C-alpha atoms as a PDB file:
ATOM      1  CA  MET A   1     -74.046 206.332-179.470  1.00  0.00           C
ATOM      2  CA  TYR A   2     -76.993 205.395-181.688  1.00  0.00           C
ATOM      3  CA  SER A   3     -80.420 204.996-180.106  1.00  0.00           C
ATOM      4  CA  GLU A   4     -83.735 203.810-181.510  1.00  0.00           C
ATOM      5  CA  ALA A   5     -87.074 203.353-179.751  1.00  0.00           C
ATOM      6  CA  GLN A   6     -90.350 202.185-181.231  1.00  0.00           C
ATOM      7  CA  GLU A   7     -93.579 200.726-179.934  1.00  0.00           C
ATOM      8  CA  ALA A   8     -93.578 196.939-179.533  1.00  0.00           C
ATOM      9  CA  SER A   9     -96.594 194.726-179.852  1.00  0.00           C
ATOM     10  CA  ALA A  10     -96.611 193.915-176.119  1.00  0.00           C
ATOM     11  CA  PRO A  11     -98.212 196.517-173.829  1.00  0.00           C
ATOM     12  CA  PHE A  12     -95.958 198.755-171.706  1.00  0.00           C
ATOM     13  CA  LEU A  13     -92.809 197.542-173.491  1.00  0.00           C
ATOM     14  CA  ARG A  14     -90.771 199.427-176.047  1.00  0.00           C
ATOM     15  CA  ARG A  15     -88.070 198.123-178.329  1.00  0.00           C
ATOM     16  CA  ARG A  16     -84.721 199.823-177.836  1.00  0.00           C
ATOM     17  CA  VAL A  17     -81.474 199.594-179.792  1.00  0.00           C
ATOM     18  CA  LEU A  18     -78.208 200.910-178.364  1.00  0.00           C
ATOM     19  CA  SER A  19     -74.802 200.509-179.980  1.00  0.00           C
ATOM     20  CA  GLY A  20     -71.308 201.944-179.995  1.00  0.00           C
ATOM     21  CA  LYS A  21     -67.656 201.326-180.779  1.00  0.00           C
ATOM     22  CA  THR A  22     -65.389 198.938-178.896  1.00  0.00           C
ATOM     23  CA  MET A  23     -62.403 196.651-179.505  1.00  0.00           C
ATOM     24  CA  GLY A  24     -61.977 197.869-183.070  1.00  0.00           C
ATOM     25  CA  THR A  25     -65.558 196.939-183.948  1.00  0.00           C
ATOM     26  CA  ARG A  26     -69.059 197.633-182.576  1.00  0.00           C
ATOM     27  CA  TYR A  27     -71.251 196.377-179.777  1.00  0.00           C
ATOM     28  CA  SER A  28     -75.035 196.348-179.850  1.00  0.00           C
ATOM     29  CA  ALA A  29     -77.953 195.762-177.523  1.00  0.00           C
ATOM     30  CA  VAL A  30     -81.531 195.186-178.654  1.00  0.00           C
ATOM     31  CA  PHE A  31     -83.997 194.918-175.789  1.00  0.00           C
ATOM     32  CA  PHE A  32     -87.571 195.459-174.667  1.00  0.00           C
ATOM     33  CA  ALA A  33     -88.285 197.534-171.567  1.00  0.00           C
ATOM     34  CA  GLU A  34     -90.900 199.769-170.022  1.00  0.00           C
ATOM     35  CA  ALA A  35     -91.319 203.258-171.408  1.00  0.00           C
ATOM     36  CA  GLY A  36     -89.946 204.952-168.291  1.00  0.00           C
ATOM     37  CA  LEU A  37     -86.509 203.362-168.545  1.00  0.00           C
ATOM     38  CA  ASP A  38     -83.562 205.779-168.304  1.00  0.00           C
ATOM     39  CA  GLU A  39     -82.050 204.943-171.670  1.00  0.00           C
ATOM     40  CA  THR A  40     -79.116 207.317-171.193  1.00  0.00           C
ATOM     41  CA  ALA A  41     -78.078 205.500-168.016  1.00  0.00           C
ATOM     42  CA  VAL A  42     -78.362 202.124-169.735  1.00  0.00           C
ATOM     43  CA  GLY A  43     -76.292 203.325-172.671  1.00  0.00           C
ATOM     44  CA  ALA A  44     -73.560 204.660-170.382  1.00  0.00           C
ATOM     45  CA  ALA A  45     -73.478 201.407-168.425  1.00  0.00           C
ATOM     46  CA  LEU A  46     -73.238 199.317-171.601  1.00  0.00           C
ATOM     47  CA  PHE A  47     -70.300 201.350-172.854  1.00  0.00           C
ATOM     48  CA  ALA A  48     -68.584 201.145-169.459  1.00  0.00           C
ATOM     49  CA  ALA A  49     -68.967 197.364-169.454  1.00  0.00           C
ATOM     50  CA  VAL A  50     -67.215 196.824-172.798  1.00  0.00           C
ATOM     51  CA  ASP A  51     -64.696 199.612-172.249  1.00  0.00           C
ATOM     52  CA  LYS A  52     -63.554 197.917-169.032  1.00  0.00           C
ATOM     53  CA  VAL A  53     -62.829 194.729-170.962  1.00  0.00           C
ATOM     54  CA  ASP A  54     -60.975 196.622-173.675  1.00  0.00           C
ATOM     55  CA  CYS A  55     -58.856 198.540-171.167  1.00  0.00           C
ATOM     56  CA  GLN A  56     -57.945 195.366-169.301  1.00  0.00           C
ATOM     57  CA  MET A  57     -57.488 192.800-172.079  1.00  0.00           C
ATOM     58  CA  SER A  58     -56.426 194.575-175.277  1.00  0.00           C
ATOM     59  CA  THR A  59     -53.010 193.893-176.804  1.00  0.00           C
ATOM     60  CA  TRP A  60     -53.451 197.057-178.863  1.00  0.00           C
ATOM     61  CA  LYS A  61     -53.409 199.309-175.804  1.00  0.00           C
ATOM     62  CA  PRO A  62     -49.886 199.501-174.315  1.00  0.00           C
ATOM     63  CA  ASP A  63     -51.299 200.524-170.937  1.00  0.00           C
ATOM     64  CA  SER A  64     -53.838 197.679-170.669  1.00  0.00           C
ATOM     65  CA  ASP A  65     -53.436 195.199-167.835  1.00  0.00           C
ATOM     66  CA  LEU A  66     -52.705 192.446-170.351  1.00  0.00           C
ATOM     67  CA  SER A  67     -50.019 194.513-172.079  1.00  0.00           C
ATOM     68  CA  ARG A  68     -48.420 195.261-168.734  1.00  0.00           C
ATOM     69  CA  LEU A  69     -48.401 191.543-167.931  1.00  0.00           C
ATOM     70  CA  ASN A  70     -46.847 190.739-171.306  1.00  0.00           C
ATOM     71  CA  ALA A  71     -44.118 193.336-170.722  1.00  0.00           C
ATOM     72  CA  LEU A  72     -43.341 192.150-167.196  1.00  0.00           C
ATOM     73  CA  PRO A  73     -40.264 189.929-166.700  1.00  0.00           C
ATOM     74  CA  PRO A  74     -40.899 186.371-165.510  1.00  0.00           C
ATOM     75  CA  ARG A  75     -41.354 185.600-161.808  1.00  0.00           C
ATOM     76  CA  GLN A  76     -42.628 189.080-160.957  1.00  0.00           C
ATOM     77  CA  TRP A  77     -46.152 189.337-159.561  1.00  0.00           C
ATOM     78  CA  LEU A  78     -48.605 191.783-161.086  1.00  0.00           C
ATOM     79  CA  ALA A  79     -51.853 192.806-159.404  1.00  0.00           C
ATOM     80  CA  VAL A  80     -54.664 192.628-161.956  1.00  0.00           C
ATOM     81  CA  PRO A  81     -58.455 193.151-161.899  1.00  0.00           C
ATOM     82  CA  GLU A  82     -60.755 190.284-160.987  1.00  0.00           C
ATOM     83  CA  GLU A  83     -62.245 190.279-164.500  1.00  0.00           C
ATOM     84  CA  LEU A  84     -58.869 189.577-166.098  1.00  0.00           C
ATOM     85  CA  LEU A  85     -58.136 186.836-163.574  1.00  0.00           C
ATOM     86  CA  THR A  86     -61.451 185.195-164.460  1.00  0.00           C
ATOM     87  CA  VAL A  87     -60.669 185.226-168.181  1.00  0.00           C
ATOM     88  CA  LEU A  88     -57.114 183.949-167.697  1.00  0.00           C
ATOM     89  CA  ASP A  89     -58.337 181.152-165.434  1.00  0.00           C
ATOM     90  CA  THR A  90     -61.126 180.170-167.852  1.00  0.00           C
ATOM     91  CA  ALA A  91     -58.764 180.258-170.824  1.00  0.00           C
ATOM     92  CA  MET A  92     -56.319 177.880-169.155  1.00  0.00           C
ATOM     93  CA  ARG A  93     -59.124 175.510-168.175  1.00  0.00           C
ATOM     94  CA  ILE A  94     -60.461 175.385-171.752  1.00  0.00           C
ATOM     95  CA  GLY A  95     -56.909 174.927-172.971  1.00  0.00           C
ATOM     96  CA  GLU A  96     -56.664 171.735-170.944  1.00  0.00           C
ATOM     97  CA  GLN A  97     -60.161 170.546-171.907  1.00  0.00           C
ATOM     98  CA  SER A  98     -59.466 171.136-175.614  1.00  0.00           C
ATOM     99  CA  GLU A  99     -56.186 169.203-175.477  1.00  0.00           C
ATOM    100  CA  GLY A 100     -54.185 172.368-176.136  1.00  0.00           C
ATOM    101  CA  ALA A 101     -56.152 173.532-179.171  1.00  0.00           C
ATOM    102  CA  PHE A 102     -57.159 176.707-177.351  1.00  0.00           C
ATOM    103  CA  ASP A 103     -54.170 178.526-175.910  1.00  0.00           C
ATOM    104  CA  ILE A 104     -53.830 182.221-175.109  1.00  0.00           C
ATOM    105  CA  GLY A 105     -50.037 181.922-175.166  1.00  0.00           C
ATOM    106  CA  VAL A 106     -49.874 182.639-178.907  1.00  0.00           C
ATOM    107  CA  GLY A 107     -49.163 186.371-178.833  1.00  0.00           C
ATOM    108  CA  ASP A 108     -45.786 185.866-180.507  1.00  0.00           C
ATOM    109  CA  LEU A 109     -47.421 183.931-183.347  1.00  0.00           C
ATOM    110  CA  VAL A 110     -50.202 186.489-183.760  1.00  0.00           C
ATOM    111  CA  ASN A 111     -47.651 189.291-184.114  1.00  0.00           C
ATOM    112  CA  ALA A 112     -45.288 187.348-186.379  1.00  0.00           C
ATOM    113  CA  TRP A 113     -48.106 186.558-188.788  1.00  0.00           C
ATOM    114  CA  GLY A 114     -49.211 190.192-188.995  1.00  0.00           C
ATOM    115  CA  PHE A 115     -52.415 190.014-186.942  1.00  0.00           C
ATOM    116  CA  GLY A 116     -51.241 191.939-183.902  1.00  0.00           C
ATOM    117  CA  PRO A 117     -50.282 195.517-183.088  1.00  0.00           C
ATOM    118  CA  SER A 118     -46.729 195.023-184.404  1.00  0.00           C
ATOM    119  CA  GLY A 119     -47.822 195.312-188.048  1.00  0.00           C
ATOM    120  CA  SER A 120     -50.021 193.830-190.768  1.00  0.00           C
ATOM    121  CA  VAL A 121     -47.302 192.085-192.792  1.00  0.00           C
ATOM    122  CA  PRO A 122     -45.999 188.623-191.826  1.00  0.00           C
ATOM    123  CA  ASP A 123     -42.398 188.416-190.658  1.00  0.00           C
ATOM    124  CA  GLU A 124     -41.333 185.329-192.600  1.00  0.00           C
ATOM    125  CA  HIS A 125     -38.090 184.892-190.674  1.00  0.00           C
ATOM    126  CA  GLN A 126     -39.878 185.090-187.346  1.00  0.00           C
ATOM    127  CA  THR A 127     -42.652 182.707-188.408  1.00  0.00           C
ATOM    128  CA  ARG A 128     -40.029 180.088-189.337  1.00  0.00           C
ATOM    129  CA  VAL A 129     -38.204 180.592-186.057  1.00  0.00           C
ATOM    130  CA  LEU A 130     -41.384 180.206-184.026  1.00  0.00           C
ATOM    131  CA  GLU A 131     -42.353 176.963-185.798  1.00  0.00           C
ATOM    132  CA  LYS A 132     -39.204 175.389-184.327  1.00  0.00           C
ATOM    133  CA  HIS A 133     -39.272 177.270-181.034  1.00  0.00           C
ATOM    134  CA  LEU A 134     -39.809 175.360-177.796  1.00  0.00           C
ATOM    135  CA  ARG A 135     -43.474 175.793-176.960  1.00  0.00           C
ATOM    136  CA  TYR A 136     -44.890 176.706-173.564  1.00  0.00           C
ATOM    137  CA  SER A 137     -48.635 176.777-173.084  1.00  0.00           C
ATOM    138  CA  ALA A 138     -50.352 179.397-170.964  1.00  0.00           C
ATOM    139  CA  SER A 139     -51.007 176.709-168.356  1.00  0.00           C
ATOM    140  CA  ASP A 140     -47.270 175.958-168.261  1.00  0.00           C
ATOM    141  CA  ALA A 141     -46.277 179.596-168.012  1.00  0.00           C
ATOM    142  CA  LEU A 142     -48.879 181.321-165.817  1.00  0.00           C
ATOM    143  CA  GLU A 143     -49.379 181.232-162.080  1.00  0.00           C
ATOM    144  CA  ILE A 144     -52.545 182.830-160.670  1.00  0.00           C
ATOM    145  CA  ASP A 145     -52.925 183.883-157.053  1.00  0.00           C
ATOM    146  CA  HIS A 146     -56.676 184.406-156.626  1.00  0.00           C
ATOM    147  CA  GLU A 147     -56.411 185.293-152.938  1.00  0.00           C
ATOM    148  CA  HIS A 148     -54.247 188.335-153.652  1.00  0.00           C
ATOM    149  CA  LYS A 149     -55.615 188.949-157.178  1.00  0.00           C
ATOM    150  CA  ARG A 150     -52.265 188.741-158.907  1.00  0.00           C
ATOM    151  CA  VAL A 151     -50.551 186.768-161.646  1.00  0.00           C
ATOM    152  CA  ARG A 152     -47.023 186.069-162.791  1.00  0.00           C
ATOM    153  CA  LYS A 153     -45.231 184.291-165.612  1.00  0.00           C
ATOM    154  CA  ARG A 154     -42.942 181.396-164.786  1.00  0.00           C
ATOM    155  CA  MET A 155     -41.200 181.829-168.148  1.00  0.00           C
ATOM    156  CA  PRO A 156     -41.370 184.301-171.056  1.00  0.00           C
ATOM    157  CA  ILE A 157     -44.665 184.123-172.930  1.00  0.00           C
ATOM    158  CA  ALA A 158     -46.812 186.540-174.932  1.00  0.00           C
ATOM    159  CA  LEU A 159     -50.527 186.330-174.186  1.00  0.00           C
ATOM    160  CA  ASP A 160     -53.369 187.129-176.575  1.00  0.00           C
ATOM    161  CA  LEU A 161     -57.023 187.088-175.498  1.00  0.00           C
ATOM    162  CA  SER A 162     -58.628 187.764-178.884  1.00  0.00           C
ATOM    163  CA  GLY A 163     -60.253 184.320-178.835  1.00  0.00           C
ATOM    164  CA  ILE A 164     -62.131 184.891-175.587  1.00  0.00           C
ATOM    165  CA  ALA A 165     -62.250 188.591-174.617  1.00  0.00           C
ATOM    166  CA  LYS A 166     -65.074 189.585-176.978  1.00  0.00           C
ATOM    167  CA  GLY A 167     -67.208 186.760-175.656  1.00  0.00           C
ATOM    168  CA  TYR A 168     -66.511 187.931-172.120  1.00  0.00           C
ATOM    169  CA  GLY A 169     -67.458 191.435-173.194  1.00  0.00           C
ATOM    170  CA  VAL A 170     -70.803 190.156-174.512  1.00  0.00           C
ATOM    171  CA  ASP A 171     -71.436 188.482-171.162  1.00  0.00           C
ATOM    172  CA  GLY A 172     -70.673 191.855-169.584  1.00  0.00           C
ATOM    173  CA  LEU A 173     -73.323 193.509-171.756  1.00  0.00           C
ATOM    174  CA  ALA A 174     -75.807 190.859-170.636  1.00  0.00           C
ATOM    175  CA  CYS A 175     -74.979 191.377-166.956  1.00  0.00           C
ATOM    176  CA  CYS A 176     -75.392 195.115-167.461  1.00  0.00           C
ATOM    177  CA  LEU A 177     -78.948 194.727-168.786  1.00  0.00           C
ATOM    178  CA  ASP A 178     -79.694 192.215-166.031  1.00  0.00           C
ATOM    179  CA  SER A 179     -78.750 194.877-163.474  1.00  0.00           C
ATOM    180  CA  PHE A 180     -81.457 197.165-164.907  1.00  0.00           C
ATOM    181  CA  GLY A 181     -84.069 194.434-164.578  1.00  0.00           C
ATOM    182  CA  ILE A 182     -84.279 193.938-168.349  1.00  0.00           C
ATOM    183  CA  THR A 183     -85.306 190.374-169.163  1.00  0.00           C
ATOM    184  CA  ARG A 184     -85.735 190.367-172.956  1.00  0.00           C
ATOM    185  CA  TYR A 185     -82.616 191.188-174.922  1.00  0.00           C
ATOM    186  CA  LEU A 186     -80.042 190.279-177.566  1.00  0.00           C
ATOM    187  CA  VAL A 187     -76.540 191.699-177.094  1.00  0.00           C
ATOM    188  CA  GLY A 188     -73.459 191.247-179.220  1.00  0.00           C
ATOM    189  CA  ILE A 189     -69.986 192.280-180.272  1.00  0.00           C
ATOM    190  CA  ASP A 190     -68.990 191.644-183.882  1.00  0.00           C
ATOM    191  CA  GLY A 191     -71.168 188.559-184.321  1.00  0.00           C
ATOM    192  CA  GLU A 192     -70.699 187.060-180.863  1.00  0.00           C
ATOM    193  CA  MET A 193     -74.221 187.152-179.421  1.00  0.00           C
ATOM    194  CA  ARG A 194     -76.130 186.362-176.240  1.00  0.00           C
ATOM    195  CA  ALA A 195     -79.892 186.312-175.785  1.00  0.00           C
ATOM    196  CA  LYS A 196     -82.167 186.316-172.779  1.00  0.00           C
ATOM    197  CA  GLY A 197     -85.864 185.504-172.747  1.00  0.00           C
ATOM    198  CA  MET A 198     -88.084 185.867-175.790  1.00  0.00           C
ATOM    199  CA  LYS A 199     -89.449 188.836-177.680  1.00  0.00           C
ATOM    200  CA  PRO A 200     -92.850 190.079-176.489  1.00  0.00           C
ATOM    201  CA  ASP A 201     -94.567 188.264-179.361  1.00  0.00           C
ATOM    202  CA  GLY A 202     -93.299 184.956-177.980  1.00  0.00           C
ATOM    203  CA  LYS A 203     -90.686 184.445-180.681  1.00  0.00           C
ATOM    204  CA  ALA A 204     -87.060 183.531-180.079  1.00  0.00           C
ATOM    205  CA  TRP A 205     -84.238 185.886-180.991  1.00  0.00           C
ATOM    206  CA  ALA A 206     -83.046 185.199-184.547  1.00  0.00           C
ATOM    207  CA  VAL A 207     -79.309 185.376-185.254  1.00  0.00           C
ATOM    208  CA  ALA A 208     -78.028 185.185-188.822  1.00  0.00           C
ATOM    209  CA  ILE A 209     -75.236 182.745-189.628  1.00  0.00           C
ATOM    210  CA  GLU A 210     -73.056 184.193-192.370  1.00  0.00           C
ATOM    211  CA  LYS A 211     -71.903 182.206-195.353  1.00  0.00           C
ATOM    212  CA  PRO A 212     -68.107 181.923-194.849  1.00  0.00           C
ATOM    213  CA  VAL A 213     -67.123 183.689-198.063  1.00  0.00           C
ATOM    214  CA  PRO A 214     -64.528 186.501-198.120  1.00  0.00           C
ATOM    215  CA  HIS A 215     -65.747 189.987-199.072  1.00  0.00           C
ATOM    216  CA  VAL A 216     -69.378 188.817-199.081  1.00  0.00           C
ATOM    217  CA  ARG A 217     -72.102 189.454-196.507  1.00  0.00           C
ATOM    218  CA  GLU A 218     -74.597 186.702-197.230  1.00  0.00           C
ATOM    219  CA  VAL A 219     -76.818 184.790-194.832  1.00  0.00           C
ATOM    220  CA  MET A 220     -76.352 181.014-194.862  1.00  0.00           C
ATOM    221  CA  GLY A 221     -78.926 180.283-192.176  1.00  0.00           C
ATOM    222  CA  VAL A 222     -80.592 181.517-189.002  1.00  0.00           C
ATOM    223  CA  MET A 223     -80.096 180.347-185.427  1.00  0.00           C
ATOM    224  CA  GLU A 224     -82.856 180.963-182.881  1.00  0.00           C
ATOM    225  CA  LEU A 225     -81.698 181.722-179.347  1.00  0.00           C
ATOM    226  CA  ILE A 226     -83.475 181.746-175.999  1.00  0.00           C
ATOM    227  CA  ASP A 227     -81.316 182.130-172.894  1.00  0.00           C
ATOM    228  CA  ALA A 228     -78.185 181.147-174.809  1.00  0.00           C
ATOM    229  CA  ALA A 229     -75.083 182.562-176.468  1.00  0.00           C
ATOM    230  CA  ILE A 230     -73.476 181.878-179.837  1.00  0.00           C
ATOM    231  CA  ALA A 231     -69.961 182.571-181.092  1.00  0.00           C
ATOM    232  CA  THR A 232     -68.418 181.921-184.490  1.00  0.00           C
ATOM    233  CA  SER A 233     -64.815 181.531-185.609  1.00  0.00           C
ATOM    234  CA  GLY A 234     -63.841 181.280-189.254  1.00  0.00           C
ATOM    235  CA  ASP A 235     -61.185 181.724-191.913  1.00  0.00           C
ATOM    236  CA  TYR A 236     -63.043 184.249-194.077  1.00  0.00           C
ATOM    237  CA  ARG A 237     -62.752 187.657-192.388  1.00  0.00           C
ATOM    238  CA  HIS A 238     -59.116 188.172-191.354  1.00  0.00           C
ATOM    239  CA  TRP A 239     -56.188 186.654-193.235  1.00  0.00           C
ATOM    240  CA  VAL A 240     -52.831 187.388-194.849  1.00  0.00           C
ATOM    241  CA  ASP A 241     -51.318 186.136-198.099  1.00  0.00           C
ATOM    242  CA  LEU A 242     -47.889 184.537-197.938  1.00  0.00           C
ATOM    243  CA  ASP A 243     -46.148 182.540-200.664  1.00  0.00           C
ATOM    244  CA  GLY A 244     -49.343 182.474-202.711  1.00  0.00           C
ATOM    245  CA  ARG A 245     -51.419 181.003-199.882  1.00  0.00           C
ATOM    246  CA  ARG A 246     -54.087 182.550-197.695  1.00  0.00           C
ATOM    247  CA  HIS A 247     -53.463 182.145-193.969  1.00  0.00           C
ATOM    248  CA  ALA A 248     -56.307 182.869-191.533  1.00  0.00           C
ATOM    249  CA  HIS A 249     -55.812 184.656-188.226  1.00  0.00           C
ATOM    250  CA  THR A 250     -56.588 181.723-185.908  1.00  0.00           C
ATOM    251  CA  MET A 251     -53.349 180.240-184.625  1.00  0.00           C
ATOM    252  CA  ASP A 252     -52.692 176.560-184.054  1.00  0.00           C
ATOM    253  CA  PRO A 253     -50.710 176.661-180.801  1.00  0.00           C
ATOM    254  CA  ILE A 254     -49.358 173.137-181.243  1.00  0.00           C
ATOM    255  CA  GLY A 255     -48.390 173.434-184.918  1.00  0.00           C
ATOM    256  CA  ARG A 256     -47.098 176.974-184.235  1.00  0.00           C
ATOM    257  CA  GLN A 257     -48.714 178.393-187.364  1.00  0.00           C
ATOM    258  CA  PRO A 258     -52.179 179.426-188.624  1.00  0.00           C
ATOM    259  CA  ALA A 259     -54.768 176.664-188.363  1.00  0.00           C
ATOM    260  CA  CYS A 260     -54.961 174.664-191.584  1.00  0.00           C
ATOM    261  CA  ASN A 261     -57.801 172.222-192.201  1.00  0.00           C
ATOM    262  CA  ARG A 262     -61.100 171.973-194.115  1.00  0.00           C
ATOM    263  CA  LEU A 263     -63.111 174.069-191.672  1.00  0.00           C
ATOM    264  CA  ALA A 264     -64.407 177.381-192.985  1.00  0.00           C
ATOM    265  CA  ALA A 265     -66.322 178.307-189.827  1.00  0.00           C
ATOM    266  CA  VAL A 266     -67.454 176.940-186.478  1.00  0.00           C
ATOM    267  CA  SER A 267     -70.423 178.220-184.452  1.00  0.00           C
ATOM    268  CA  VAL A 268     -70.862 177.143-180.831  1.00  0.00           C
ATOM    269  CA  VAL A 269     -73.974 177.587-178.681  1.00  0.00           C
ATOM    270  CA  MET A 270     -73.502 177.699-174.892  1.00  0.00           C
ATOM    271  CA  PRO A 271     -74.977 179.555-171.900  1.00  0.00           C
ATOM    272  CA  SER A 272     -71.924 181.858-171.717  1.00  0.00           C
ATOM    273  CA  CYS A 273     -70.563 183.786-174.692  1.00  0.00           C
ATOM    274  CA  MET A 274     -67.065 183.703-173.188  1.00  0.00           C
ATOM    275  CA  LEU A 275     -67.142 179.905-173.260  1.00  0.00           C
ATOM    276  CA  ALA A 276     -68.710 179.791-176.736  1.00  0.00           C
ATOM    277  CA  ASP A 277     -66.059 182.192-178.066  1.00  0.00           C
ATOM    278  CA  ALA A 278     -63.142 180.148-176.761  1.00  0.00           C
ATOM    279  CA  TRP A 279     -64.594 176.806-177.857  1.00  0.00           C
ATOM    280  CA  ALA A 280     -65.320 178.102-181.369  1.00  0.00           C
ATOM    281  CA  THR A 281     -61.621 178.937-181.650  1.00  0.00           C
ATOM    282  CA  ALA A 282     -60.607 175.552-180.243  1.00  0.00           C
ATOM    283  CA  PHE A 283     -62.805 173.611-182.681  1.00  0.00           C
ATOM    284  CA  LEU A 284     -61.540 175.655-185.633  1.00  0.00           C
ATOM    285  CA  VAL A 285     -58.008 174.613-184.686  1.00  0.00           C
ATOM    286  CA  LEU A 286     -58.916 170.960-184.069  1.00  0.00           C
ATOM    287  CA  GLY A 287     -60.482 170.545-187.495  1.00  0.00           C
ATOM    288  CA  GLU A 288     -63.346 168.547-188.916  1.00  0.00           C
ATOM    289  CA  THR A 289     -62.411 165.191-187.393  1.00  0.00           C
ATOM    290  CA  ALA A 290     -60.959 165.801-183.936  1.00  0.00           C
ATOM    291  CA  GLY A 291     -63.257 168.793-183.413  1.00  0.00           C
ATOM    292  CA  VAL A 292     -66.437 166.866-184.177  1.00  0.00           C
ATOM    293  CA  GLU A 293     -65.315 163.976-181.981  1.00  0.00           C
ATOM    294  CA  LEU A 294     -64.602 166.277-179.033  1.00  0.00           C
ATOM    295  CA  ALA A 295     -67.917 168.128-179.441  1.00  0.00           C
ATOM    296  CA  GLN A 296     -69.732 164.797-179.325  1.00  0.00           C
ATOM    297  CA  LYS A 297     -67.720 163.589-176.348  1.00  0.00           C
ATOM    298  CA  ARG A 298     -68.481 166.770-174.394  1.00  0.00           C
ATOM    299  CA  GLY A 299     -72.177 166.829-175.340  1.00  0.00           C
ATOM    300  CA  MET A 300     -71.941 170.254-176.986  1.00  0.00           C
ATOM    301  CA  SER A 301     -74.007 172.014-179.672  1.00  0.00           C
ATOM    302  CA  VAL A 302     -71.787 173.023-182.588  1.00  0.00           C
ATOM    303  CA  LEU A 303     -72.214 173.842-186.273  1.00  0.00           C
ATOM    304  CA  PHE A 304     -69.153 172.906-188.351  1.00  0.00           C
ATOM    305  CA  VAL A 305     -69.005 174.375-191.871  1.00  0.00           C
ATOM    306  CA  LEU A 306     -66.466 172.687-194.151  1.00  0.00           C
ATOM    307  CA  HIS A 307     -65.000 173.716-197.469  1.00  0.00           C
ATOM    308  CA  ASP A 308     -66.272 171.322-200.137  1.00  0.00           C
ATOM    309  CA  GLY A 309     -64.877 172.500-203.451  1.00  0.00           C
ATOM    310  CA  GLU A 310     -66.807 175.614-204.445  1.00  0.00           C
ATOM    311  CA  THR A 311     -69.548 174.909-201.916  1.00  0.00           C
ATOM    312  CA  PHE A 312     -69.822 174.061-198.226  1.00  0.00           C
ATOM    313  CA  GLN A 313     -70.721 171.026-196.166  1.00  0.00           C
ATOM    314  CA  GLU A 314     -72.369 171.270-192.751  1.00  0.00           C
ATOM    315  CA  ILE A 315     -71.952 169.000-189.756  1.00  0.00           C
ATOM    316  CA  VAL A 316     -74.443 169.703-186.974  1.00  0.00           C
ATOM    317  CA  ILE A 317     -73.831 168.428-183.447  1.00  0.00           C
ATOM    318  CA  LEU A 318     -76.740 169.050-181.060  1.00  0.00           C
ATOM    319  CA  ASP A 319     -76.161 168.206-177.403  1.00  0.00           C
ATOM    320  CA  GLY A 320     -73.415 165.847-178.521  1.00  0.00           C
ATOM    321  CA  GLN A 321     -75.554 164.055-181.108  1.00  0.00           C
ATOM    322  CA  HIS A 322     -74.755 164.118-184.814  1.00  0.00           C
ATOM    323  CA  GLN A 323     -77.818 165.440-186.684  1.00  0.00           C
ATOM    324  CA  ILE A 324     -78.501 163.871-190.078  1.00  0.00           C
END
């Protein structure tokens, strides 16, 4: 655990930075609080919040609740934590709202293309089989019993929450700081961020938007956040090469293969990071035409970054309105 504290410009408040490892990456929390705050207790609570998500929703942990659900035969109920039920329920709702572009029932595709715990090399035979395989969405396959906090599969399906779990984890970090009465913060996991309030100097929290270029860490722009979350999905961080082509890790559940369109990255701003995370994935799958149309229809705020030869083109939708 790394900790930093320094005097802020506002009286009685100090700037703190806490961070640690989770979900194969790092989480961070930057916040302002009174000098007497028990920083050790806050740090422990932050780690517990993200560790709970990892232990429940990871496909890389064979004993996680999600892994146990994936291994369970159809039509058998499994009692699961309330947090996992919330994420499953939200994922299915966004799946319907996005016309199937967001679907957590892509675990078989994720593994076949080398992005899951089964290995880092695509299984070409399996990828071809899955392209022709009868598709069931998570909404088709899952049945949730909220009263008894349990879930079951109606038919075989492999679930993957990588497009929503980190966002939920960021919301958990935010709730953790809320519980300590902290009202000025920026929390994040691997680029998914959520802010509350403003810094003591009255400025918004500034979040860098990366240029979507592989192997390069370069800032393309800055987004200012106040009481909002931002999540980004793109084709430039995780991919595999197959038959001379680069295939990104985001799966198109309808096409049954990696998403393929002109989008390099999509950033979504919403009150909840869980929602922003899932919608960023959905828009990346939908592409530059259907995605923009749906963002406008739903009145959302989205930054679409398109490949345009050697450069990039931006489409900005703010509260459903196309910005020129």
